[in-house]
């Protein structure tokens, strides 16, 4: 699979939330009709018509993950997945576990390598993916509406 970015002012109009009691991310409203899902760590991204339209899953945040990370520059648009995958299944993006860091001052959580640079796209409100020039998924930056209170510095 290869990731591509289509920059446009139109993005998925969903709200990213963090369910503190479940230690998980979710979307509101939720789309239940999807083609396939892409998994990394314990998160999944839902794909419809080759576009990532939502994400959800477990992501326990601890104080040890705190960092002064700053999100790189990004634009708005669609996160496109070029693939020949069969619908109805979940596919891993990577065999490796991505590192997780967060900055409670800014509210951003990064899942992936903050040192790898690529092109960024906000494909859902407060959900930004960074993709390499070769179409590899590098990192996902999330800024939930309700940042967990028990880990704020």
N, C-alpha and C. Protein backbone atom coordinates (compact mmCIF):
# COMPACT_ATOMS: atom_id res chain seq x y z
N UNK A 1 0.84 -1.18 0.00
CA UNK A 1 0.00 0.00 0.00
C UNK A 1 0.88 1.24 0.00
N UNK A 2 0.39 2.27 -0.63
CA UNK A 2 1.10 3.55 -0.71
C UNK A 2 0.13 4.64 -0.27
N UNK A 3 0.63 5.54 0.56
CA UNK A 3 -0.18 6.69 1.00
C UNK A 3 0.14 7.89 0.12
N UNK A 4 -0.90 8.65 -0.19
CA UNK A 4 -0.74 9.88 -0.97
C UNK A 4 -1.59 10.96 -0.32
N UNK A 5 -1.24 12.19 -0.65
CA UNK A 5 -1.97 13.34 -0.11
C UNK A 5 -2.61 14.09 -1.26
N UNK A 6 -3.87 14.45 -1.09
CA UNK A 6 -4.57 15.31 -2.03
C UNK A 6 -4.95 16.57 -1.25
N UNK A 7 -4.15 17.64 -1.43
CA UNK A 7 -4.41 18.87 -0.68
C UNK A 7 -5.64 19.57 -1.22
N UNK A 8 -6.54 19.93 -0.31
CA UNK A 8 -7.78 20.64 -0.61
C UNK A 8 -8.28 21.23 0.70
N UNK A 9 -9.16 22.18 0.63
CA UNK A 9 -9.70 22.76 1.87
C UNK A 9 -10.77 21.86 2.49
N UNK A 10 -11.25 20.88 1.74
CA UNK A 10 -12.29 19.97 2.25
C UNK A 10 -11.64 18.84 3.03
N UNK A 11 -12.05 18.65 4.27
CA UNK A 11 -11.56 17.53 5.08
C UNK A 11 -12.77 16.87 5.76
N UNK A 12 -12.55 15.69 6.32
CA UNK A 12 -13.62 15.01 7.05
C UNK A 12 -14.01 15.84 8.26
N UNK A 13 -15.29 16.13 8.38
CA UNK A 13 -15.78 16.96 9.48
C UNK A 13 -16.25 16.06 10.63
N UNK A 14 -15.29 15.60 11.39
CA UNK A 14 -15.57 14.76 12.56
C UNK A 14 -14.79 15.33 13.74
N UNK A 15 -15.24 15.02 14.93
CA UNK A 15 -14.58 15.47 16.14
C UNK A 15 -13.80 14.31 16.75
N UNK A 16 -12.51 14.54 17.01
CA UNK A 16 -11.67 13.54 17.66
C UNK A 16 -11.84 13.69 19.17
N UNK A 17 -12.17 12.58 19.83
CA UNK A 17 -12.31 12.60 21.28
C UNK A 17 -11.39 11.55 21.90
N UNK A 18 -11.03 11.78 23.15
CA UNK A 18 -10.26 10.79 23.91
C UNK A 18 -11.13 10.32 25.05
N UNK A 19 -11.43 9.04 25.07
CA UNK A 19 -12.24 8.45 26.15
C UNK A 19 -11.29 8.05 27.27
N UNK A 20 -11.20 8.93 28.25
CA UNK A 20 -10.22 8.76 29.32
C UNK A 20 -10.41 7.45 30.09
N UNK A 21 -11.67 7.07 30.33
CA UNK A 21 -11.93 5.85 31.10
C UNK A 21 -11.54 4.59 30.32
N UNK A 22 -11.49 4.68 28.98
CA UNK A 22 -11.10 3.55 28.14
C UNK A 22 -9.68 3.68 27.60
N UNK A 23 -9.07 4.84 27.81
CA UNK A 23 -7.74 5.14 27.26
C UNK A 23 -7.74 4.95 25.75
N UNK A 24 -8.74 5.54 25.09
CA UNK A 24 -8.86 5.32 23.65
C UNK A 24 -9.33 6.57 22.91
N UNK A 25 -8.96 6.61 21.63
CA UNK A 25 -9.43 7.66 20.73
C UNK A 25 -10.67 7.16 20.00
N UNK A 26 -11.56 8.11 19.67
CA UNK A 26 -12.76 7.78 18.90
C UNK A 26 -13.18 9.02 18.12
N UNK A 27 -14.14 8.84 17.23
CA UNK A 27 -14.63 9.93 16.40
C UNK A 27 -16.12 10.14 16.65
N UNK A 28 -16.55 11.37 16.44
CA UNK A 28 -17.96 11.70 16.53
C UNK A 28 -18.28 12.66 15.40
N UNK A 29 -19.23 12.37 14.52
CA UNK A 29 -20.00 11.13 14.45
C UNK A 29 -19.14 10.00 13.88
N UNK A 30 -19.59 8.80 14.13
CA UNK A 30 -18.87 7.59 13.68
C UNK A 30 -19.54 7.04 12.43
N UNK A 31 -18.73 6.69 11.44
CA UNK A 31 -19.23 6.06 10.22
C UNK A 31 -19.08 4.55 10.38
N UNK A 32 -20.17 3.81 10.26
CA UNK A 32 -20.12 2.36 10.47
C UNK A 32 -19.99 1.58 9.16
N UNK A 33 -20.08 2.27 8.04
CA UNK A 33 -19.95 1.61 6.74
C UNK A 33 -18.56 1.92 6.17
N UNK A 34 -17.67 0.92 6.18
CA UNK A 34 -16.29 1.14 5.74
C UNK A 34 -15.88 0.04 4.77
N UNK A 35 -14.82 0.31 4.00
CA UNK A 35 -14.29 -0.69 3.07
C UNK A 35 -13.27 -1.59 3.74
N UNK A 36 -12.32 -0.98 4.46
CA UNK A 36 -11.29 -1.74 5.15
C UNK A 36 -10.68 -0.85 6.24
N UNK A 37 -9.86 -1.47 7.09
CA UNK A 37 -9.19 -0.71 8.14
C UNK A 37 -7.69 -0.97 8.09
N UNK A 38 -6.94 0.07 8.46
CA UNK A 38 -5.49 -0.01 8.53
C UNK A 38 -5.09 0.13 9.99
N UNK A 39 -4.26 -0.80 10.47
CA UNK A 39 -3.93 -0.85 11.90
C UNK A 39 -2.46 -0.55 12.14
N UNK A 40 -2.21 0.12 13.26
CA UNK A 40 -0.86 0.31 13.79
C UNK A 40 -1.01 0.55 15.28
N UNK A 41 0.00 0.07 16.05
CA UNK A 41 -0.13 0.02 17.50
C UNK A 41 -1.47 -0.64 17.81
N UNK A 42 -2.35 0.03 18.50
CA UNK A 42 -3.68 -0.53 18.77
C UNK A 42 -4.77 0.37 18.22
N UNK A 43 -4.41 1.15 17.21
CA UNK A 43 -5.35 2.06 16.54
C UNK A 43 -5.69 1.52 15.17
N UNK A 44 -6.88 1.90 14.68
CA UNK A 44 -7.24 1.59 13.30
C UNK A 44 -7.73 2.85 12.61
N UNK A 45 -7.43 2.94 11.32
CA UNK A 45 -7.94 4.01 10.48
C UNK A 45 -8.88 3.37 9.47
N UNK A 46 -10.09 3.91 9.37
CA UNK A 46 -11.10 3.38 8.46
C UNK A 46 -10.96 4.02 7.09
N UNK A 47 -11.05 3.18 6.05
CA UNK A 47 -10.89 3.63 4.66
C UNK A 47 -12.19 3.39 3.91
N UNK A 48 -12.66 4.43 3.21
CA UNK A 48 -13.82 4.35 2.33
C UNK A 48 -13.43 5.01 1.01
N UNK A 49 -13.64 4.32 -0.09
CA UNK A 49 -13.29 4.85 -1.42
C UNK A 49 -11.86 5.36 -1.46
N UNK A 50 -10.95 4.60 -0.87
CA UNK A 50 -9.51 4.88 -0.85
C UNK A 50 -9.11 6.10 -0.02
N UNK A 51 -10.03 6.64 0.79
CA UNK A 51 -9.72 7.77 1.66
C UNK A 51 -9.85 7.35 3.12
N UNK A 52 -8.92 7.81 3.96
CA UNK A 52 -9.04 7.58 5.40
C UNK A 52 -10.05 8.57 5.93
N UNK A 53 -11.12 8.05 6.56
CA UNK A 53 -12.22 8.93 6.99
C UNK A 53 -12.39 9.01 8.49
N UNK A 54 -11.78 8.09 9.25
CA UNK A 54 -11.91 8.13 10.71
C UNK A 54 -10.86 7.23 11.33
N UNK A 55 -10.70 7.36 12.64
CA UNK A 55 -9.77 6.50 13.37
C UNK A 55 -10.32 6.25 14.75
N UNK A 56 -9.82 5.18 15.36
CA UNK A 56 -10.22 4.86 16.73
C UNK A 56 -9.27 3.81 17.27
N UNK A 57 -9.33 3.62 18.58
CA UNK A 57 -8.56 2.55 19.19
C UNK A 57 -7.86 2.95 20.47
N UNK A 58 -7.28 1.96 21.12
CA UNK A 58 -6.61 2.12 22.40
C UNK A 58 -5.29 2.87 22.24
N UNK A 59 -5.06 3.80 23.15
CA UNK A 59 -3.78 4.51 23.21
C UNK A 59 -3.61 5.05 24.63
N UNK A 60 -3.12 4.19 25.50
CA UNK A 60 -2.91 4.60 26.88
C UNK A 60 -1.78 5.62 26.96
N UNK A 61 -2.05 6.76 27.55
CA UNK A 61 -1.05 7.82 27.68
C UNK A 61 -0.57 7.89 29.12
N UNK A 62 0.75 7.94 29.31
CA UNK A 62 1.32 8.04 30.65
C UNK A 62 2.24 9.25 30.72
N UNK A 63 2.53 9.70 31.93
CA UNK A 63 3.40 10.86 32.11
C UNK A 63 4.78 10.65 31.51
N UNK A 64 5.22 9.40 31.42
CA UNK A 64 6.54 9.09 30.85
C UNK A 64 6.60 9.42 29.36
N UNK A 65 5.47 9.57 28.72
CA UNK A 65 5.41 9.86 27.28
C UNK A 65 5.48 11.36 27.00
N UNK A 66 5.50 12.18 28.07
CA UNK A 66 5.52 13.63 27.88
C UNK A 66 6.78 14.07 27.17
N UNK A 67 6.63 15.02 26.26
CA UNK A 67 7.75 15.58 25.51
C UNK A 67 7.37 16.99 25.07
N UNK A 68 8.35 17.78 24.70
CA UNK A 68 8.09 19.13 24.19
C UNK A 68 7.93 19.11 22.67
N UNK A 69 7.34 18.07 22.12
CA UNK A 69 7.20 17.94 20.68
C UNK A 69 6.36 19.08 20.11
N UNK A 70 6.69 19.47 18.90
CA UNK A 70 5.93 20.48 18.17
C UNK A 70 5.55 19.90 16.83
N UNK A 71 4.31 20.05 16.45
CA UNK A 71 3.86 19.49 15.18
C UNK A 71 4.47 20.28 14.03
N UNK A 72 5.01 19.59 13.03
CA UNK A 72 5.56 20.29 11.85
C UNK A 72 4.44 20.95 11.03
N UNK A 73 4.83 21.71 10.03
CA UNK A 73 3.88 22.40 9.15
C UNK A 73 3.13 21.37 8.31
N UNK A 74 1.84 21.62 8.12
CA UNK A 74 0.99 20.71 7.35
C UNK A 74 -0.09 21.51 6.64
N UNK A 75 -0.75 20.88 5.66
CA UNK A 75 -1.88 21.47 4.96
C UNK A 75 -3.13 20.64 5.20
N UNK A 76 -4.24 21.07 4.62
CA UNK A 76 -5.51 20.33 4.75
C UNK A 76 -5.76 19.54 3.47
N UNK A 77 -6.46 18.42 3.62
CA UNK A 77 -6.79 17.63 2.44
C UNK A 77 -7.21 16.22 2.79
N UNK A 78 -7.04 15.33 1.82
CA UNK A 78 -7.42 13.93 1.98
C UNK A 78 -6.18 13.07 2.10
N UNK A 79 -6.25 12.05 2.95
CA UNK A 79 -5.22 11.03 3.04
C UNK A 79 -5.72 9.85 2.21
N UNK A 80 -5.04 9.64 1.09
CA UNK A 80 -5.44 8.62 0.11
C UNK A 80 -4.58 7.37 0.29
N UNK A 81 -5.19 6.21 0.13
CA UNK A 81 -4.47 4.94 0.21
C UNK A 81 -4.60 4.23 -1.14
N UNK A 82 -3.46 4.08 -1.83
CA UNK A 82 -3.46 3.29 -3.06
C UNK A 82 -3.16 1.85 -2.67
N UNK A 83 -4.05 0.95 -3.06
CA UNK A 83 -3.90 -0.44 -2.61
C UNK A 83 -4.63 -1.39 -3.54
N UNK A 84 -4.35 -2.64 -3.36
CA UNK A 84 -5.09 -3.71 -4.02
C UNK A 84 -5.54 -4.70 -2.95
N UNK A 85 -6.03 -4.16 -1.85
CA UNK A 85 -6.43 -4.96 -0.70
C UNK A 85 -7.90 -5.33 -0.79
N UNK A 86 -8.23 -6.47 -0.24
CA UNK A 86 -9.61 -6.94 -0.26
C UNK A 86 -10.43 -6.22 0.82
N UNK A 87 -11.62 -5.81 0.46
CA UNK A 87 -12.51 -5.13 1.41
C UNK A 87 -12.93 -6.06 2.53
N UNK A 88 -13.25 -5.46 3.68
CA UNK A 88 -13.78 -6.22 4.80
C UNK A 88 -12.74 -6.73 5.78
N UNK A 89 -11.48 -6.34 5.59
CA UNK A 89 -10.42 -6.83 6.46
C UNK A 89 -9.64 -5.68 7.09
N UNK A 90 -8.81 -6.03 8.08
CA UNK A 90 -7.90 -5.08 8.72
C UNK A 90 -6.48 -5.45 8.29
N UNK A 91 -5.70 -4.45 7.88
CA UNK A 91 -4.33 -4.66 7.42
C UNK A 91 -3.37 -3.82 8.25
N UNK A 92 -2.23 -4.42 8.62
CA UNK A 92 -1.20 -3.70 9.37
C UNK A 92 -0.45 -2.74 8.46
N UNK A 93 -0.19 -1.54 8.98
CA UNK A 93 0.63 -0.56 8.27
C UNK A 93 2.10 -0.90 8.43
N UNK A 94 2.45 -1.39 9.62
CA UNK A 94 3.85 -1.67 9.93
C UNK A 94 3.94 -2.88 10.85
N UNK A 95 5.07 -3.55 10.80
CA UNK A 95 5.32 -4.66 11.72
C UNK A 95 5.86 -4.17 13.06
N UNK A 96 6.25 -2.91 13.10
CA UNK A 96 6.85 -2.32 14.30
C UNK A 96 5.83 -1.52 15.09
N UNK A 97 6.05 -1.43 16.38
CA UNK A 97 5.25 -0.58 17.26
C UNK A 97 5.79 0.84 17.15
N UNK A 98 4.90 1.81 16.86
CA UNK A 98 5.31 3.20 16.77
C UNK A 98 5.45 3.80 18.17
N UNK A 99 6.45 4.66 18.40
CA UNK A 99 6.54 5.34 19.69
C UNK A 99 5.40 6.35 19.85
N UNK A 100 5.03 6.63 21.10
CA UNK A 100 3.96 7.59 21.39
C UNK A 100 4.53 8.66 22.31
N UNK A 101 4.29 9.92 21.95
CA UNK A 101 4.69 11.07 22.77
C UNK A 101 3.54 12.07 22.78
N UNK A 102 3.51 12.91 23.78
CA UNK A 102 2.50 13.96 23.81
C UNK A 102 3.05 15.21 24.46
N UNK A 103 2.42 16.33 24.12
CA UNK A 103 2.73 17.62 24.72
C UNK A 103 1.44 18.14 25.34
N UNK A 104 1.32 18.09 26.65
CA UNK A 104 0.08 18.50 27.31
C UNK A 104 -0.15 20.00 27.21
N UNK A 105 0.89 20.78 26.94
CA UNK A 105 0.72 22.23 26.78
C UNK A 105 -0.03 22.55 25.49
N UNK A 106 0.30 21.84 24.41
CA UNK A 106 -0.34 22.09 23.12
C UNK A 106 -1.52 21.16 22.87
N UNK A 107 -1.56 20.01 23.57
CA UNK A 107 -2.62 19.05 23.37
C UNK A 107 -2.38 18.04 22.27
N UNK A 108 -1.20 18.09 21.63
CA UNK A 108 -0.91 17.17 20.53
C UNK A 108 -0.28 15.87 21.04
N UNK A 109 -0.75 14.76 20.47
CA UNK A 109 -0.19 13.43 20.69
C UNK A 109 0.42 12.99 19.37
N UNK A 110 1.65 12.48 19.39
CA UNK A 110 2.28 11.96 18.18
C UNK A 110 2.48 10.46 18.31
N UNK A 111 1.99 9.73 17.34
CA UNK A 111 2.19 8.28 17.26
C UNK A 111 3.06 8.06 16.02
N UNK A 112 4.32 7.76 16.26
CA UNK A 112 5.26 7.62 15.16
C UNK A 112 6.55 8.33 15.49
N UNK A 113 7.43 8.39 14.53
CA UNK A 113 8.75 8.98 14.73
C UNK A 113 8.71 10.47 14.44
N UNK A 114 8.95 11.29 15.46
CA UNK A 114 8.91 12.74 15.29
C UNK A 114 10.12 13.26 14.52
N UNK A 115 11.16 12.45 14.39
CA UNK A 115 12.37 12.89 13.68
C UNK A 115 12.30 12.67 12.18
N UNK A 116 11.44 11.79 11.73
CA UNK A 116 11.31 11.54 10.29
C UNK A 116 10.44 12.62 9.68
N UNK A 117 10.96 13.27 8.66
CA UNK A 117 10.24 14.38 8.03
C UNK A 117 9.53 13.90 6.77
N UNK A 118 8.39 14.49 6.52
CA UNK A 118 7.62 14.16 5.33
C UNK A 118 6.60 15.26 5.10
N UNK A 119 5.65 14.99 4.24
CA UNK A 119 4.58 15.93 3.96
C UNK A 119 3.43 15.62 4.90
N UNK A 120 2.79 16.68 5.42
CA UNK A 120 1.70 16.50 6.37
C UNK A 120 0.37 16.96 5.83
N UNK A 121 -0.69 16.24 6.24
CA UNK A 121 -2.04 16.60 5.83
C UNK A 121 -3.00 16.42 7.01
N UNK A 122 -3.79 17.46 7.25
CA UNK A 122 -4.89 17.34 8.21
C UNK A 122 -6.08 16.78 7.43
N UNK A 123 -6.38 15.50 7.62
CA UNK A 123 -7.40 14.82 6.83
C UNK A 123 -8.73 14.71 7.58
N UNK A 124 -8.70 14.89 8.88
CA UNK A 124 -9.87 15.00 9.75
C UNK A 124 -9.53 16.13 10.71
N UNK A 125 -10.53 16.84 11.21
CA UNK A 125 -10.26 17.91 12.17
C UNK A 125 -9.33 17.42 13.27
N UNK A 126 -8.17 18.09 13.43
CA UNK A 126 -7.18 17.79 14.47
C UNK A 126 -6.56 16.40 14.36
N UNK A 127 -6.52 15.84 13.16
CA UNK A 127 -5.85 14.56 12.87
C UNK A 127 -4.94 14.79 11.67
N UNK A 128 -3.63 14.70 11.89
CA UNK A 128 -2.65 15.03 10.85
C UNK A 128 -1.73 13.83 10.64
N UNK A 129 -1.60 13.41 9.39
CA UNK A 129 -0.69 12.31 9.04
C UNK A 129 0.51 12.88 8.29
N UNK A 130 1.68 12.30 8.54
CA UNK A 130 2.89 12.66 7.80
C UNK A 130 3.33 11.44 7.00
N UNK A 131 3.59 11.69 5.71
CA UNK A 131 3.88 10.65 4.74
C UNK A 131 5.22 10.96 4.08
N UNK A 132 6.03 9.92 3.84
CA UNK A 132 7.32 10.12 3.18
C UNK A 132 7.11 10.36 1.68
N UNK A 133 8.17 10.78 1.01
CA UNK A 133 8.11 10.98 -0.44
C UNK A 133 7.83 9.68 -1.18
N UNK A 134 8.14 8.56 -0.56
CA UNK A 134 7.89 7.24 -1.17
C UNK A 134 6.51 6.68 -0.81
N UNK A 135 5.71 7.45 -0.08
CA UNK A 135 4.36 7.01 0.26
C UNK A 135 4.26 6.17 1.51
N UNK A 136 5.31 6.22 2.35
CA UNK A 136 5.28 5.47 3.61
C UNK A 136 4.64 6.31 4.71
N UNK A 137 3.90 5.65 5.57
CA UNK A 137 3.27 6.29 6.72
C UNK A 137 4.35 6.54 7.78
N UNK A 138 4.55 7.80 8.19
CA UNK A 138 5.59 8.15 9.16
C UNK A 138 5.04 8.39 10.55
N UNK A 139 3.99 9.19 10.66
CA UNK A 139 3.46 9.52 11.98
C UNK A 139 2.04 10.05 11.87
N UNK A 140 1.35 9.96 13.00
CA UNK A 140 0.00 10.47 13.13
C UNK A 140 -0.02 11.40 14.33
N UNK A 141 -0.48 12.62 14.12
CA UNK A 141 -0.58 13.62 15.18
C UNK A 141 -2.06 13.84 15.48
N UNK A 142 -2.42 13.74 16.75
CA UNK A 142 -3.81 13.84 17.17
C UNK A 142 -3.96 14.87 18.27
N UNK A 143 -4.99 15.70 18.15
CA UNK A 143 -5.28 16.69 19.18
C UNK A 143 -6.76 16.53 19.56
N UNK A 144 -7.02 15.65 20.55
CA UNK A 144 -8.41 15.37 20.91
C UNK A 144 -9.08 16.58 21.56
N UNK A 145 -10.40 16.62 21.41
CA UNK A 145 -11.19 17.70 22.00
C UNK A 145 -10.99 17.76 23.51
N UNK A 146 -10.86 16.62 24.14
CA UNK A 146 -10.72 16.54 25.60
C UNK A 146 -9.42 15.81 25.94
N UNK A 147 -8.37 16.55 26.20
CA UNK A 147 -7.09 15.94 26.54
C UNK A 147 -7.19 15.33 27.93
N UNK A 148 -6.61 14.14 28.14
CA UNK A 148 -6.71 13.47 29.45
C UNK A 148 -6.22 14.35 30.60
N UNK A 149 -7.00 14.41 31.66
CA UNK A 149 -6.66 15.29 32.78
C UNK A 149 -5.63 14.69 33.71
N UNK A 150 -5.55 13.37 33.78
CA UNK A 150 -4.65 12.74 34.75
C UNK A 150 -3.18 12.75 34.34
N UNK A 151 -2.86 13.21 33.14
CA UNK A 151 -1.46 13.23 32.72
C UNK A 151 -0.95 14.62 32.39
N UNK A 152 -1.78 15.64 32.57
CA UNK A 152 -1.33 17.00 32.27
C UNK A 152 -0.23 17.42 33.22
N UNK A 153 0.77 18.10 32.67
CA UNK A 153 1.87 18.62 33.50
C UNK A 153 1.54 19.99 34.02
